[in-house]
Protein backbone atom coordinates (compact mmCIF):
# COMPACT_ATOMS: atom_id res chain seq x y z
CA MET A 1 -12.54 -20.20 -3.27
CA GLN A 2 -11.41 -22.38 -6.13
CA HIS A 3 -10.04 -25.78 -5.19
CA GLU A 4 -6.33 -26.22 -5.80
CA LYS A 5 -6.77 -28.94 -8.46
CA SER A 6 -8.82 -26.54 -10.61
CA ILE A 7 -5.92 -24.09 -10.80
CA LYS A 8 -3.68 -24.07 -13.87
CA ASN A 9 -0.05 -25.13 -13.59
CA GLU A 10 0.92 -21.57 -14.43
CA ILE A 11 -1.33 -18.67 -13.39
CA GLY A 12 -1.63 -15.91 -15.96
CA ILE A 13 -1.43 -12.42 -14.44
CA CYS A 14 -2.58 -9.11 -15.94
CA VAL A 15 -1.25 -5.92 -14.37
CA ILE A 16 -3.60 -2.94 -14.73
CA GLY A 17 -1.50 0.22 -14.70
CA ALA A 18 1.93 0.69 -16.30
CA GLY A 19 3.20 3.28 -13.83
CA ARG A 20 5.98 2.88 -11.27
CA ALA A 21 4.26 0.44 -8.90
CA GLY A 22 2.61 -1.41 -11.77
CA MET A 23 5.97 -2.04 -13.40
CA ILE A 24 7.38 -3.48 -10.17
CA HIS A 25 4.58 -6.04 -10.06
CA ALA A 26 4.84 -6.69 -13.80
CA ALA A 27 8.59 -7.35 -13.62
CA ASN A 28 8.07 -9.75 -10.72
CA PHE A 29 5.46 -11.79 -12.55
CA ALA A 30 7.46 -11.71 -15.79
CA LYS A 31 10.52 -13.33 -14.21
CA ASN A 32 10.48 -14.05 -10.50
CA VAL A 33 7.20 -15.46 -9.13
CA PRO A 34 7.07 -19.28 -9.20
CA GLY A 35 3.96 -20.72 -10.81
CA ALA A 36 2.94 -17.45 -12.48
CA ARG A 37 3.57 -15.63 -15.73
CA LEU A 38 2.86 -12.13 -16.95
CA ALA A 39 0.08 -12.72 -19.47
CA ALA A 40 -0.94 -9.12 -20.10
CA ILE A 41 -0.60 -5.51 -19.09
CA ALA A 42 -3.35 -2.89 -19.38
CA ASP A 43 -3.15 0.89 -19.44
CA PRO A 44 -5.27 3.55 -21.20
CA ASN A 45 -2.08 5.30 -22.39
CA PRO A 46 -0.80 3.58 -25.57
CA ASN A 47 2.68 5.07 -25.17
CA ALA A 48 2.93 3.73 -21.61
CA LEU A 49 1.81 0.32 -22.85
CA GLU A 50 4.42 0.16 -25.58
CA ALA A 51 7.18 1.36 -23.24
CA ALA A 52 6.16 -1.24 -20.66
CA ARG A 53 6.28 -4.10 -23.14
CA GLU A 54 9.73 -3.04 -24.35
CA GLN A 55 11.06 -2.68 -20.82
CA LEU A 56 9.66 -5.98 -19.59
CA GLY A 57 10.79 -8.06 -22.54
CA ALA A 58 8.12 -10.65 -21.77
CA PRO A 59 7.33 -12.81 -24.82
CA GLY A 60 3.61 -13.46 -25.20
CA CYS A 61 2.59 -10.57 -22.94
CA ALA A 62 -0.53 -9.01 -24.42
CA ALA A 63 -1.37 -5.31 -24.19
CA TYR A 64 -4.83 -3.88 -23.58
CA ARG A 65 -6.26 -0.40 -23.20
CA SER A 66 -8.60 -1.39 -20.34
CA HIS A 67 -9.37 -4.13 -17.84
CA LEU A 68 -12.59 -4.86 -19.75
CA ASP A 69 -10.62 -5.66 -22.90
CA ALA A 70 -8.34 -7.93 -20.89
CA LEU A 71 -11.31 -9.89 -19.53
CA ALA A 72 -11.76 -11.44 -22.96
CA ASP A 73 -8.27 -12.98 -22.74
CA GLY A 74 -8.60 -16.61 -21.69
CA GLY A 75 -4.96 -16.69 -20.63
CA VAL A 76 -5.53 -14.28 -17.73
CA ASP A 77 -6.51 -15.80 -14.39
CA ALA A 78 -5.74 -12.99 -11.96
CA TYR A 79 -5.17 -9.25 -11.94
CA VAL A 80 -3.04 -6.72 -10.10
CA VAL A 81 -4.89 -3.39 -9.91
CA VAL A 82 -2.57 -0.37 -9.84
CA ALA A 83 -5.01 2.19 -11.25
CA PRO A 84 -5.87 5.50 -9.50
CA THR A 85 -7.73 4.91 -6.25
CA LYS A 86 -11.01 6.41 -7.43
CA PHE A 87 -11.32 3.60 -10.01
CA HIS A 88 -10.54 0.68 -7.69
CA ARG A 89 -14.09 -0.19 -6.71
CA GLU A 90 -15.36 -0.24 -10.31
CA ILE A 91 -12.46 -2.33 -11.58
CA VAL A 92 -12.29 -4.84 -8.72
CA VAL A 93 -16.04 -5.47 -8.67
CA ALA A 94 -15.98 -6.15 -12.43
CA LEU A 95 -12.99 -8.47 -12.18
CA ALA A 96 -14.33 -10.42 -9.21
CA GLY A 97 -17.72 -10.69 -10.91
CA ALA A 98 -15.95 -12.36 -13.84
CA GLY A 99 -14.37 -14.90 -11.47
CA LYS A 100 -10.89 -13.38 -11.46
CA HIS A 101 -8.54 -13.18 -8.46
CA VAL A 102 -7.34 -9.68 -7.55
CA LEU A 103 -4.39 -8.07 -5.82
CA CYS A 104 -5.47 -4.45 -5.31
CA GLU A 105 -2.88 -1.84 -4.46
CA LYS A 106 -3.43 0.53 -1.56
CA PRO A 107 -5.42 2.65 -0.86
CA MET A 108 -8.15 0.04 -1.33
CA ALA A 109 -10.83 2.61 -2.25
CA MET A 110 -12.17 6.06 -1.43
CA THR A 111 -14.75 5.07 1.21
CA PRO A 112 -15.42 2.15 3.57
CA GLY A 113 -18.61 1.43 1.61
CA GLU A 114 -16.65 0.96 -1.61
CA CYS A 115 -14.35 -1.45 0.25
CA ASP A 116 -17.36 -3.47 1.39
CA GLU A 117 -18.63 -3.71 -2.20
CA MET A 118 -15.25 -5.02 -3.35
CA THR A 119 -15.03 -7.59 -0.56
CA ALA A 120 -18.61 -8.74 -1.13
CA ALA A 121 -17.97 -9.22 -4.85
CA ALA A 122 -14.89 -11.35 -4.15
CA GLU A 123 -16.66 -13.43 -1.51
CA LYS A 124 -19.66 -14.04 -3.78
CA ALA A 125 -17.38 -15.22 -6.60
CA GLY A 126 -15.12 -17.23 -4.29
CA VAL A 127 -11.95 -15.50 -5.46
CA VAL A 128 -8.92 -14.11 -3.66
CA LEU A 129 -8.89 -10.38 -2.92
CA GLN A 130 -5.55 -9.31 -1.47
CA ILE A 131 -4.68 -5.70 -0.54
CA GLY A 132 -1.21 -4.31 -1.28
CA PHE A 133 0.22 -3.58 2.16
CA MET A 134 3.64 -4.89 1.21
CA ARG A 135 5.37 -3.79 4.43
CA ARG A 136 3.85 -6.89 6.06
CA PHE A 137 6.02 -8.88 3.65
CA ASP A 138 9.22 -6.91 4.28
CA ALA A 139 11.84 -9.02 6.08
CA GLY A 140 12.57 -6.31 8.67
CA PHE A 141 8.96 -5.58 9.51
CA ALA A 142 8.16 -9.31 9.63
CA ARG A 143 11.09 -9.96 11.99
CA ALA A 144 9.97 -7.10 14.24
CA LYS A 145 6.49 -8.60 14.35
CA GLU A 146 7.96 -11.92 15.47
CA ILE A 147 9.98 -10.20 18.22
CA VAL A 148 6.91 -8.37 19.49
CA ALA A 149 4.81 -11.56 19.38
CA SER A 150 7.47 -13.42 21.37
CA GLY A 151 7.00 -11.06 24.32
CA GLU A 152 10.64 -9.95 24.28
CA ILE A 153 9.71 -6.28 24.71
CA GLY A 154 6.76 -6.98 27.01
CA ASP A 155 3.29 -5.66 26.33
CA VAL A 156 2.95 -3.19 23.46
CA VAL A 157 2.43 0.36 24.72
CA MET A 158 2.96 2.56 21.66
CA ILE A 159 3.61 2.22 17.93
CA ARG A 160 5.08 5.04 15.86
CA SER A 161 5.45 5.02 12.07
CA ASN A 162 6.44 7.52 9.41
CA THR A 163 6.56 7.73 5.64
CA ARG A 164 8.29 10.73 4.04
CA GLY A 165 8.74 10.93 0.29
CA PRO A 166 11.44 12.93 -1.49
CA SER A 167 9.38 13.98 -4.51
CA GLU A 168 6.78 16.71 -4.74
CA PRO A 169 3.11 15.65 -4.83
CA GLN A 170 1.47 15.20 -8.21
CA PRO A 171 -1.11 17.91 -9.07
CA TRP A 172 -3.97 15.38 -9.09
CA MET A 173 -3.34 14.86 -5.36
CA TYR A 174 -4.17 18.49 -4.53
CA ASP A 175 -7.93 17.87 -4.54
CA ILE A 176 -8.50 16.06 -1.24
CA LYS A 177 -12.03 15.06 -2.28
CA ALA A 178 -10.64 13.23 -5.32
CA SER A 179 -7.46 11.76 -3.82
CA ASN A 180 -8.22 11.48 -0.07
CA GLY A 181 -4.94 13.35 0.42
CA PRO A 182 -1.53 12.28 1.72
CA LEU A 183 -3.12 10.30 4.55
CA ALA A 184 -4.30 7.91 1.85
CA GLU A 185 -1.51 8.14 -0.71
CA VAL A 186 1.42 8.37 1.72
CA ASN A 187 0.29 7.06 5.10
CA SER A 188 -1.89 4.05 4.26
CA HIS A 189 1.10 1.80 4.99
CA ASP A 190 1.66 3.51 8.36
CA ILE A 191 -1.98 3.07 9.30
CA ASP A 192 -1.76 -0.63 8.52
CA THR A 193 1.54 -0.91 10.40
CA LEU A 194 -0.07 0.54 13.52
CA ARG A 195 -3.08 -1.81 13.25
CA TRP A 196 -0.85 -4.81 12.61
CA PHE A 197 1.37 -4.29 15.62
CA ALA A 198 -1.40 -3.10 17.96
CA GLU A 199 -3.58 -6.09 16.99
CA SER A 200 -6.53 -3.81 17.58
CA GLU A 201 -8.70 -1.31 15.75
CA PHE A 202 -8.28 2.46 15.90
CA GLU A 203 -10.69 4.08 18.35
CA THR A 204 -9.73 7.77 18.13
CA VAL A 205 -7.74 9.91 15.72
CA TYR A 206 -6.42 13.45 16.05
CA ALA A 207 -4.64 14.78 12.96
CA LEU A 208 -2.93 18.03 12.03
CA GLY A 209 -2.15 18.86 8.41
CA GLY A 210 -0.26 21.72 6.79
CA ASN A 211 1.00 22.77 3.38
CA PHE A 212 4.68 23.65 3.81
CA ARG A 213 6.25 22.70 0.46
CA SER A 214 3.54 22.98 -2.20
CA PRO A 215 2.89 26.65 -2.96
CA ALA A 216 1.23 25.81 -6.29
CA ALA A 217 -1.68 24.21 -4.44
CA LYS A 218 -2.43 26.98 -1.97
CA ARG A 219 -4.69 29.18 -4.11
CA ASP A 220 -7.02 26.59 -5.66
CA TYR A 221 -6.73 23.90 -2.97
CA PRO A 222 -6.43 25.64 0.40
CA ASP A 223 -7.23 22.42 2.27
CA PHE A 224 -4.35 20.48 0.71
CA TYR A 225 -1.64 19.36 3.12
CA ASP A 226 1.78 17.93 2.31
CA ASN A 227 2.70 17.28 5.95
CA VAL A 228 0.55 15.48 8.51
CA VAL A 229 0.95 14.24 12.07
CA VAL A 230 -1.49 11.89 13.78
CA ALA A 231 -2.07 10.79 17.37
CA ALA A 232 -4.28 7.75 17.82
CA GLY A 233 -5.82 5.57 20.48
CA PHE A 234 -6.70 1.91 19.98
CA GLU A 235 -9.59 -0.09 21.38
CA ASN A 236 -7.18 -2.18 23.48
CA GLY A 237 -5.50 0.91 24.99
CA VAL A 238 -2.36 0.93 22.83
CA GLN A 239 -1.22 4.40 21.73
CA GLY A 240 -0.17 5.31 18.20
CA MET A 241 1.65 8.10 16.39
CA MET A 242 2.51 8.62 12.74
CA ASP A 243 3.64 11.32 10.39
CA GLY A 244 3.68 11.70 6.64
CA ALA A 245 5.37 14.15 4.31
CA GLN A 246 5.81 14.82 0.62
CA GLY A 247 8.63 16.70 -1.05
CA VAL A 248 11.16 16.28 1.75
CA GLY A 249 14.00 15.91 -0.74
CA TYR A 250 16.55 14.16 1.48
CA ALA A 251 15.47 10.52 1.01
CA TYR A 252 12.61 8.06 0.96
CA ASP A 253 12.16 7.60 4.69
CA ALA A 254 9.99 4.76 6.03
CA ARG A 255 10.60 3.77 9.65
CA ALA A 256 8.68 2.50 12.64
CA GLU A 257 9.16 1.65 16.28
CA VAL A 258 7.24 -0.43 18.76
CA LEU A 259 7.59 0.49 22.43
CA GLY A 260 6.76 -2.13 25.01
CA THR A 261 6.76 -2.38 28.79
CA LYS A 262 10.21 -4.04 28.70
CA GLY A 263 11.90 -2.73 25.59
CA CYS A 264 11.62 -1.24 22.12
CA VAL A 265 11.97 -2.47 18.53
CA LEU A 266 13.16 -0.09 15.79
CA ILE A 267 12.34 -0.88 12.16
CA GLY A 268 13.67 0.57 8.92
CA ARG A 269 16.57 2.68 7.75
CA THR A 270 17.28 5.56 5.41
CA GLU A 271 20.75 4.56 4.19
CA SER A 272 20.79 2.54 0.96
CA ASP A 273 23.64 0.28 2.07
CA ALA A 274 25.59 -0.60 5.21
CA VAL A 275 28.72 1.40 4.31
CA VAL A 276 29.25 4.67 6.16
CA THR A 277 32.16 6.98 5.34
CA TYR A 278 33.68 9.20 8.05
CA THR A 279 36.01 12.02 6.99
CA ALA A 280 37.96 14.70 8.85
CA ALA A 281 36.66 17.31 6.42
CA SER A 282 32.99 16.59 6.98
CA LYS A 283 33.25 15.83 10.73
CA ARG A 284 30.38 13.44 10.22
CA GLY A 285 29.40 10.16 8.64
CA VAL A 286 28.50 10.24 4.96
CA TYR A 287 26.41 7.52 3.37
CA PRO A 288 24.06 7.19 0.38
CA LEU A 289 20.39 7.55 1.22
CA VAL A 290 17.42 5.59 -0.11
CA SER A 291 15.94 7.60 -2.97
CA SER A 292 12.76 5.61 -3.61
CA TRP A 293 10.33 3.11 -2.11
CA ARG A 294 11.08 1.01 -5.20
CA GLN A 295 14.57 0.39 -3.81
CA LEU A 296 13.67 0.00 -0.17
CA PHE A 297 10.82 -2.47 -0.60
CA ARG A 298 11.88 -4.33 -3.77
CA GLU A 299 12.01 -7.70 -2.01
CA ALA A 300 8.79 -7.00 -0.10
CA TYR A 301 6.91 -6.50 -3.37
CA LEU A 302 8.24 -9.82 -4.65
CA ALA A 303 7.19 -11.60 -1.44
CA GLU A 304 3.76 -9.97 -1.65
CA ASP A 305 3.26 -11.07 -5.27
CA THR A 306 4.44 -14.59 -4.43
CA ALA A 307 2.01 -14.78 -1.50
CA PHE A 308 -0.85 -13.71 -3.78
CA VAL A 309 -0.17 -16.62 -6.15
CA GLU A 310 0.19 -19.03 -3.24
CA ALA A 311 -3.20 -17.97 -1.85
CA ILE A 312 -4.77 -18.65 -5.25
CA ARG A 313 -3.12 -22.04 -5.63
CA ARG A 314 -3.96 -23.19 -2.12
CA GLY A 315 -7.49 -21.80 -2.09
CA GLN A 316 -6.72 -19.93 1.12
CA PRO A 317 -7.51 -16.40 2.32
CA PRO A 318 -4.75 -13.86 1.60
CA LYS A 319 -2.48 -12.57 4.35
CA VAL A 320 -3.84 -9.04 3.85
CA THR A 321 -7.61 -8.92 3.43
CA GLY A 322 -10.31 -6.54 2.32
CA HIS A 323 -11.05 -5.82 5.97
CA ASP A 324 -7.48 -4.60 6.43
CA GLY A 325 -7.89 -2.33 3.44
CA LYS A 326 -11.25 -1.02 4.63
CA MET A 327 -10.00 -0.15 8.12
CA ALA A 328 -7.12 1.86 6.66
CA VAL A 329 -9.56 3.78 4.48
CA LYS A 330 -11.75 4.41 7.51
CA VAL A 331 -8.79 5.88 9.41
CA VAL A 332 -7.91 8.06 6.40
CA ASN A 333 -11.48 9.43 6.38
CA ALA A 334 -11.34 10.02 10.14
CA GLY A 335 -8.00 11.78 9.85
CA ASN A 336 -9.18 14.09 7.08
CA LEU A 337 -12.27 14.95 9.14
CA SER A 338 -10.03 15.67 12.13
CA ILE A 339 -7.89 18.02 10.05
CA ARG A 340 -10.94 19.88 8.72
CA GLU A 341 -12.71 20.23 12.06
CA LYS A 342 -9.60 20.48 14.30
CA ARG A 343 -10.82 17.93 16.81
CA VAL A 344 -10.46 14.34 17.94
CA VAL A 345 -12.57 12.00 15.79
CA ARG A 346 -13.87 8.65 16.98
CA LEU A 347 -13.84 5.90 14.37
CA SER A 348 -17.45 5.16 15.25
CA GLU A 349 -18.33 8.52 13.64
CA ILE A 350 -17.17 7.31 10.22
CA SER A 351 -19.98 5.76 8.22
CA ASP A 352 -19.49 2.45 6.44
CA LEU A 353 -21.38 3.88 3.46
């Protein structure tokens, strides 16, 4: 990697993708990440580009229609890739080949082989490649990790994690072959959470998927699922469970628990603040629920972006690596195979190609 003294005083960042997640990263680099500035934003949609520039209010932020156009900008040192998953390999390999550092949003790619190509390109160029598993940077998840590492709950026995989104899936997600399905788009964070707390690799996966809320997909995409449950076994004997859902309506719901031989740690919440109202009329507590991951993990995204810049400046490996991204993709592929064939799948069955 580049030596620290070769790094500019202020690292210029280009965000590729002006959608919801892209704008979170862009806003962070425009105002809140020490030692970095938002140098450019890229998106093939000119209307999205113009709206992004107006919303960000970042003087000097250039706008480009593609990452290739942005490569000609000498003020850009690093990129955040928030494009559709199927384009990640192509974009990251090109950026790394040009000597640029990359923070790539999850899912890392479509196949383990694509992940290997991305990692190899970054290693050859000596640049940082960080994967966007921002829950590792969330204060609650990080504190839980410390508690588990301290031995307070004994040896880890089981980890359970869920992600349930309130909104209906986008139509482009219906084609599992093109999107890798909700296991990729919704549950990549849960997969990484399980790996992180188990400190081991997945060994077996058994997944069940069903379409309960997306009638528009049933005719043309009979294999689409908007609800999935997974049971997993790890190489070190730890057990895992996770579920994912789209279109649940009630809230954005991301929680986890780690069960040990001497106790249990619960992580996450669905209420958007700590105030709960109890009334005689309702006979129950009433409190506002979290409506979006953008609210729940706002600070985690900022910590993730800050860590990316720190890794560049210090010439150190990122906290979340290409290997972490690849293993999540491998579990996604195993889970989709399990759903199709209705059987337990061993991770050793999933090719690295």
